[in-house]
C-alpha atoms as a PDB file:
ATOM      1  CA  MET A   1     136.187  60.819  80.479  1.00  0.00           C
ATOM      2  CA  GLU A   2     133.917  62.076  77.770  1.00  0.00           C
ATOM      3  CA  MET A   3     131.319  64.318  78.866  1.00  0.00           C
ATOM      4  CA  LYS A   4     127.551  63.263  77.960  1.00  0.00           C
ATOM      5  CA  SER A   5     124.826  65.388  77.366  1.00  0.00           C
ATOM      6  CA  LEU A   6     121.247  65.009  78.890  1.00  0.00           C
ATOM      7  CA  LYS A   7     118.262  66.891  78.502  1.00  0.00           C
ATOM      8  CA  ALA A   8     116.466  67.742  81.780  1.00  0.00           C
ATOM      9  CA  THR A   9     112.963  68.931  82.960  1.00  0.00           C
ATOM     10  CA  CYS A  10     112.152  70.845  86.235  1.00  0.00           C
ATOM     11  CA  ARG A  11     109.530  68.909  87.758  1.00  0.00           C
ATOM     12  CA  LYS A  12     106.902  69.768  90.987  1.00  0.00           C
ATOM     13  CA  THR A  13     107.370  67.449  93.921  1.00  0.00           C
ATOM     14  CA  GLY A  14     104.217  65.880  95.190  1.00  0.00           C
ATOM     15  CA  THR A  15     102.307  62.667  95.540  1.00  0.00           C
ATOM     16  CA  LYS A  16     103.719  59.255  94.589  1.00  0.00           C
ATOM     17  CA  GLY A  17     100.857  58.725  91.951  1.00  0.00           C
ATOM     18  CA  ALA A  18     102.469  61.638  90.076  1.00  0.00           C
ATOM     19  CA  THR A  19     106.093  59.894  90.417  1.00  0.00           C
ATOM     20  CA  HIS A  20     104.863  56.870  89.044  1.00  0.00           C
ATOM     21  CA  GLU A  21     102.938  58.441  86.360  1.00  0.00           C
ATOM     22  CA  LEU A  22     106.288  59.923  85.147  1.00  0.00           C
ATOM     23  CA  ARG A  23     107.841  56.492  85.312  1.00  0.00           C
ATOM     24  CA  ARG A  24     104.938  54.851  83.236  1.00  0.00           C
ATOM     25  CA  GLU A  25     105.632  57.857  80.680  1.00  0.00           C
ATOM     26  CA  GLY A  26     109.423  56.686  80.310  1.00  0.00           C
ATOM     27  CA  ALA A  27     110.920  59.533  82.573  1.00  0.00           C
ATOM     28  CA  VAL A  28     113.035  59.037  85.518  1.00  0.00           C
ATOM     29  CA  PRO A  29     112.684  61.475  88.491  1.00  0.00           C
ATOM     30  CA  ALA A  30     115.991  63.009  89.845  1.00  0.00           C
ATOM     31  CA  VAL A  31     117.349  65.495  92.192  1.00  0.00           C
ATOM     32  CA  LEU A  32     120.347  68.004  91.285  1.00  0.00           C
ATOM     33  CA  TYR A  33     122.267  69.533  94.339  1.00  0.00           C
ATOM     34  CA  GLY A  34     125.892  70.826  95.187  1.00  0.00           C
ATOM     35  CA  GLU A  35     128.059  73.673  95.102  1.00  0.00           C
ATOM     36  CA  GLY A  36     125.889  75.642  97.267  1.00  0.00           C
ATOM     37  CA  GLN A  37     122.915  76.069  95.451  1.00  0.00           C
ATOM     38  CA  ASP A  38     119.317  74.980  95.958  1.00  0.00           C
ATOM     39  CA  ALA A  39     118.486  71.538  95.206  1.00  0.00           C
ATOM     40  CA  VAL A  40     116.376  71.136  91.709  1.00  0.00           C
ATOM     41  CA  SER A  41     113.907  68.293  91.120  1.00  0.00           C
ATOM     42  CA  LEU A  42     113.761  67.127  87.921  1.00  0.00           C
ATOM     43  CA  THR A  43     113.217  64.361  85.221  1.00  0.00           C
ATOM     44  CA  VAL A  44     115.257  63.048  82.564  1.00  0.00           C
ATOM     45  CA  ASN A  45     114.198  60.708  79.806  1.00  0.00           C
ATOM     46  CA  GLY A  46     114.905  56.920  80.870  1.00  0.00           C
ATOM     47  CA  ARG A  47     116.493  55.540  77.759  1.00  0.00           C
ATOM     48  CA  GLU A  48     118.860  58.451  77.348  1.00  0.00           C
ATOM     49  CA  LEU A  49     120.008  57.777  80.892  1.00  0.00           C
ATOM     50  CA  GLU A  50     120.355  54.185  80.451  1.00  0.00           C
ATOM     51  CA  ARG A  51     122.217  55.097  77.447  1.00  0.00           C
ATOM     52  CA  VAL A  52     124.759  57.057  79.577  1.00  0.00           C
ATOM     53  CA  LEU A  53     124.793  54.524  81.999  1.00  0.00           C
ATOM     54  CA  HIS A  54     126.237  51.890  80.021  1.00  0.00           C
ATOM     55  CA  THR A  55     129.079  53.905  78.489  1.00  0.00           C
ATOM     56  CA  SER A  56     132.340  54.149  79.799  1.00  0.00           C
ATOM     57  CA  GLY A  57     131.668  56.443  82.650  1.00  0.00           C
ATOM     58  CA  GLY A  58     128.823  54.190  84.022  1.00  0.00           C
ATOM     59  CA  SER A  59     127.309  54.965  87.072  1.00  0.00           C
ATOM     60  CA  HIS A  60     129.753  57.835  87.986  1.00  0.00           C
ATOM     61  CA  ALA A  61     129.581  59.436  84.449  1.00  0.00           C
ATOM     62  CA  ILE A  62     130.255  63.276  84.050  1.00  0.00           C
ATOM     63  CA  ILE A  63     127.072  64.949  82.430  1.00  0.00           C
ATOM     64  CA  GLN A  64     125.900  68.301  81.017  1.00  0.00           C
ATOM     65  CA  LEU A  65     122.574  68.561  81.985  1.00  0.00           C
ATOM     66  CA  GLU A  66     120.462  70.720  79.862  1.00  0.00           C
ATOM     67  CA  PHE A  67     117.142  72.096  80.908  1.00  0.00           C
ATOM     68  CA  GLU A  68     114.841  72.970  77.903  1.00  0.00           C
ATOM     69  CA  GLU A  69     112.892  75.562  79.272  1.00  0.00           C
ATOM     70  CA  GLN A  70     115.293  76.936  81.884  1.00  0.00           C
ATOM     71  CA  SER A  71     118.791  77.316  80.811  1.00  0.00           C
ATOM     72  CA  ALA A  72     120.118  79.174  83.866  1.00  0.00           C
ATOM     73  CA  LEU A  73     119.783  75.730  85.550  1.00  0.00           C
ATOM     74  CA  ASN A  74     122.291  74.259  82.912  1.00  0.00           C
ATOM     75  CA  SER A  75     125.040  72.319  85.070  1.00  0.00           C
ATOM     76  CA  VAL A  76     127.904  69.930  84.558  1.00  0.00           C
ATOM     77  CA  ALA A  77     127.123  67.240  87.047  1.00  0.00           C
ATOM     78  CA  MET A  78     128.386  63.877  88.063  1.00  0.00           C
ATOM     79  CA  ILE A  79     125.942  61.084  88.771  1.00  0.00           C
ATOM     80  CA  LYS A  80     126.114  60.178  92.602  1.00  0.00           C
ATOM     81  CA  ALA A  81     123.412  57.682  93.306  1.00  0.00           C
ATOM     82  CA  VAL A  82     121.216  55.483  90.910  1.00  0.00           C
ATOM     83  CA  GLN A  83     118.242  53.550  92.650  1.00  0.00           C
ATOM     84  CA  ARG A  84     116.940  50.710  90.769  1.00  0.00           C
ATOM     85  CA  HIS A  85     114.015  48.251  90.833  1.00  0.00           C
ATOM     86  CA  PRO A  86     114.925  45.345  93.019  1.00  0.00           C
ATOM     87  CA  LEU A  87     113.118  42.967  90.334  1.00  0.00           C
ATOM     88  CA  ARG A  88     113.023  44.722  87.063  1.00  0.00           C
ATOM     89  CA  GLY A  89     116.049  46.442  87.228  1.00  0.00           C
ATOM     90  CA  ASN A  90     114.918  49.849  85.753  1.00  0.00           C
ATOM     91  CA  VAL A  91     115.992  53.105  86.937  1.00  0.00           C
ATOM     92  CA  LEU A  92     113.705  54.610  89.740  1.00  0.00           C
ATOM     93  CA  HIS A  93     115.669  57.610  90.811  1.00  0.00           C
ATOM     94  CA  THR A  94     118.896  59.356  90.330  1.00  0.00           C
ATOM     95  CA  ASP A  95     120.941  61.865  92.126  1.00  0.00           C
ATOM     96  CA  PHE A  96     123.082  64.279  90.401  1.00  0.00           C
ATOM     97  CA  MET A  97     125.879  66.535  92.089  1.00  0.00           C
ATOM     98  CA  ARG A  98     126.956  69.676  90.488  1.00  0.00           C
ATOM     99  CA  ILE A  99     130.604  69.846  89.890  1.00  0.00           C
ATOM    100  CA  ARG A 100     133.181  72.279  88.490  1.00  0.00           C
ATOM    101  CA  LEU A 101     135.446  71.213  85.645  1.00  0.00           C
ATOM    102  CA  ASP A 102     138.324  73.282  87.023  1.00  0.00           C
ATOM    103  CA  GLU A 103     138.092  71.817  90.472  1.00  0.00           C
ATOM    104  CA  ARG A 104     139.523  68.245  91.713  1.00  0.00           C
ATOM    105  CA  ILE A 105     136.628  65.553  92.618  1.00  0.00           C
ATOM    106  CA  GLU A 106     136.712  62.348  94.650  1.00  0.00           C
ATOM    107  CA  THR A 107     134.876  59.556  92.745  1.00  0.00           C
ATOM    108  CA  ALA A 108     135.000  55.900  92.161  1.00  0.00           C
ATOM    109  CA  VAL A 109     136.061  54.101  88.980  1.00  0.00           C
ATOM    110  CA  THR A 110     135.828  50.570  87.729  1.00  0.00           C
ATOM    111  CA  VAL A 111     138.667  48.157  88.022  1.00  0.00           C
ATOM    112  CA  GLU A 112     139.144  46.000  85.136  1.00  0.00           C
ATOM    113  CA  LEU A 113     141.340  42.810  84.749  1.00  0.00           C
ATOM    114  CA  VAL A 114     143.251  42.353  81.553  1.00  0.00           C
ATOM    115  CA  GLY A 115     145.162  39.245  80.391  1.00  0.00           C
ATOM    116  CA  THR A 116     145.306  35.956  81.912  1.00  0.00           C
ATOM    117  CA  ALA A 117     146.981  34.850  84.778  1.00  0.00           C
ATOM    118  CA  LYS A 118     150.052  32.443  84.616  1.00  0.00           C
ATOM    119  CA  GLY A 119     148.591  31.020  87.928  1.00  0.00           C
ATOM    120  CA  VAL A 120     145.278  30.265  86.306  1.00  0.00           C
ATOM    121  CA  ARG A 121     147.455  28.036  83.820  1.00  0.00           C
ATOM    122  CA  ASN A 122     148.655  26.381  86.992  1.00  0.00           C
ATOM    123  CA  GLY A 123     145.305  25.468  88.093  1.00  0.00           C
ATOM    124  CA  GLY A 124     144.481  28.660  90.404  1.00  0.00           C
ATOM    125  CA  LEU A 125     141.623  30.879  90.444  1.00  0.00           C
ATOM    126  CA  VAL A 126     141.419  34.250  90.074  1.00  0.00           C
ATOM    127  CA  GLU A 127     139.834  35.904  92.909  1.00  0.00           C
ATOM    128  CA  HIS A 128     139.064  39.876  92.078  1.00  0.00           C
ATOM    129  CA  GLN A 129     138.575  41.618  95.364  1.00  0.00           C
ATOM    130  CA  LEU A 130     138.552  45.463  94.717  1.00  0.00           C
ATOM    131  CA  ARG A 131     136.014  45.920  91.682  1.00  0.00           C
ATOM    132  CA  GLU A 132     136.248  49.893  92.289  1.00  0.00           C
ATOM    133  CA  ILE A 133     138.894  52.361  93.226  1.00  0.00           C
ATOM    134  CA  GLU A 134     138.369  55.587  94.839  1.00  0.00           C
ATOM    135  CA  ILE A 135     140.380  58.345  92.983  1.00  0.00           C
ATOM    136  CA  GLU A 136     141.008  62.084  93.236  1.00  0.00           C
ATOM    137  CA  CYS A 137     141.403  64.190  89.930  1.00  0.00           C
ATOM    138  CA  LEU A 138     139.877  66.887  87.916  1.00  0.00           C
ATOM    139  CA  ALA A 139     136.560  66.045  86.613  1.00  0.00           C
ATOM    140  CA  ILE A 140     137.626  66.022  82.792  1.00  0.00           C
ATOM    141  CA  GLU A 141     140.614  63.555  83.867  1.00  0.00           C
ATOM    142  CA  VAL A 142     138.505  60.825  85.370  1.00  0.00           C
ATOM    143  CA  PRO A 143     139.547  57.710  83.551  1.00  0.00           C
ATOM    144  CA  ALA A 144     136.939  55.273  82.120  1.00  0.00           C
ATOM    145  CA  ARG A 145     138.580  52.419  84.493  1.00  0.00           C
ATOM    146  CA  ILE A 146     141.489  51.325  85.908  1.00  0.00           C
ATOM    147  CA  GLU A 147     143.212  48.366  83.922  1.00  0.00           C
ATOM    148  CA  VAL A 148     145.371  45.861  85.957  1.00  0.00           C
ATOM    149  CA  ASP A 149     147.440  43.440  83.829  1.00  0.00           C
ATOM    150  CA  ILE A 150     147.615  39.922  85.696  1.00  0.00           C
ATOM    151  CA  THR A 151     149.458  38.081  83.033  1.00  0.00           C
ATOM    152  CA  ASP A 152     152.567  37.495  85.230  1.00  0.00           C
ATOM    153  CA  LEU A 153     150.512  36.823  88.557  1.00  0.00           C
ATOM    154  CA  ASP A 154     151.156  33.377  89.772  1.00  0.00           C
ATOM    155  CA  VAL A 155     149.489  31.084  92.423  1.00  0.00           C
ATOM    156  CA  ASN A 156     149.558  32.580  95.874  1.00  0.00           C
ATOM    157  CA  GLU A 157     150.300  36.182  94.781  1.00  0.00           C
ATOM    158  CA  VAL A 158     148.521  39.013  94.949  1.00  0.00           C
ATOM    159  CA  ILE A 159     148.195  42.512  93.409  1.00  0.00           C
ATOM    160  CA  HIS A 160     147.567  45.646  96.014  1.00  0.00           C
ATOM    161  CA  VAL A 161     146.497  49.294  95.381  1.00  0.00           C
ATOM    162  CA  SER A 162     150.088  50.409  96.058  1.00  0.00           C
ATOM    163  CA  GLN A 163     151.453  48.174  92.899  1.00  0.00           C
ATOM    164  CA  LEU A 164     149.211  50.009  90.625  1.00  0.00           C
ATOM    165  CA  VAL A 165     150.383  53.166  88.668  1.00  0.00           C
ATOM    166  CA  PRO A 166     147.476  55.883  88.356  1.00  0.00           C
ATOM    167  CA  PRO A 167     146.972  57.596  85.306  1.00  0.00           C
ATOM    168  CA  ALA A 168     148.334  61.226  84.938  1.00  0.00           C
ATOM    169  CA  GLY A 169     146.751  63.594  87.086  1.00  0.00           C
ATOM    170  CA  VAL A 170     144.646  60.949  89.188  1.00  0.00           C
ATOM    171  CA  VAL A 171     145.572  60.024  92.947  1.00  0.00           C
ATOM    172  CA  PHE A 172     144.200  56.787  94.466  1.00  0.00           C
ATOM    173  CA  ARG A 173     142.341  57.506  97.637  1.00  0.00           C
ATOM    174  CA  THR A 174     141.667  53.739  98.444  1.00  0.00           C
ATOM    175  CA  ASP A 175     143.881  52.118 101.097  1.00  0.00           C
ATOM    176  CA  ALA A 176     147.618  51.143  99.610  1.00  0.00           C
ATOM    177  CA  ASP A 177     147.429  47.614 101.217  1.00  0.00           C
ATOM    178  CA  ALA A 178     143.855  46.861  99.863  1.00  0.00           C
ATOM    179  CA  PRO A 179     144.155  43.863  97.704  1.00  0.00           C
ATOM    180  CA  VAL A 180     142.913  44.036  93.974  1.00  0.00           C
ATOM    181  CA  VAL A 181     143.466  40.559  92.727  1.00  0.00           C
ATOM    182  CA  SER A 182     144.822  37.251  93.791  1.00  0.00           C
ATOM    183  CA  ILE A 183     145.316  33.781  92.317  1.00  0.00           C
ATOM    184  CA  VAL A 184     144.166  31.048  94.768  1.00  0.00           C
ATOM    185  CA  LEU A 185     143.935  27.324  94.612  1.00  0.00           C
ATOM    186  CA  PRO A 186     140.888  25.686  94.555  1.00  0.00           C
ATOM    187  CA  ARG A 187     139.779  24.441  97.890  1.00  0.00           C
ATOM    188  CA  ALA A 188     140.250  20.683  96.911  1.00  0.00           C
ATOM    189  CA  ALA A 189     143.570  21.276  95.636  1.00  0.00           C
ATOM    190  CA  ALA A 190     144.722  23.281  98.684  1.00  0.00           C
ATOM    191  CA  SER A 191     143.654  20.756 100.886  1.00  0.00           C
ATOM    192  CA  GLU A 192     145.622  18.111  99.222  1.00  0.00           C
ATOM    193  CA  ALA A 193     148.731  20.425  98.754  1.00  0.00           C
ATOM    194  CA  ALA A 194     148.329  20.859 102.690  1.00  0.00           C
ATOM    195  CA  ALA A 195     147.857  17.067 103.592  1.00  0.00           C
ATOM    196  CA  ALA A 196     151.107  16.399 101.442  1.00  0.00           C
END
């Protein structure tokens, strides 16, 4: 996964009014923690953060945080949590966790279905049960996504985690028996088949 750079500024924690003012100015309050160091309250540019969140890493992106006035705080970090406004959808707060590029980490990546299933051509519907999969690997080896080819999947067939091949250096941590995707008949067709 490509590492993105994001400029950060230390902030003083205080009243809710100050936090609202930051958001009105386009900044997003955040906190940086982990690696046995003190937590740091900071702000990042809202537009730049949204740009990072819409890249391949998404809400689990690896970030190089660059503090403009305190370079000693510069850190490689992973986005751990993103809090959004329930109606407007804009980012309200973000948690960053410090990581080391030479240590294995656990995170989640998106599962992306590829191809048109044979079962769909036979009247079935795709049920995508597992949208993210927990993995363990080096931070620089985190894949952008896990692709699952469903071309040969027919009606009443299921693909489980155990059937997926992880990329080099990656170990799946999600239960091997967890269903990823299946092809099912629509209810009406299933009822007709049962009646017949």
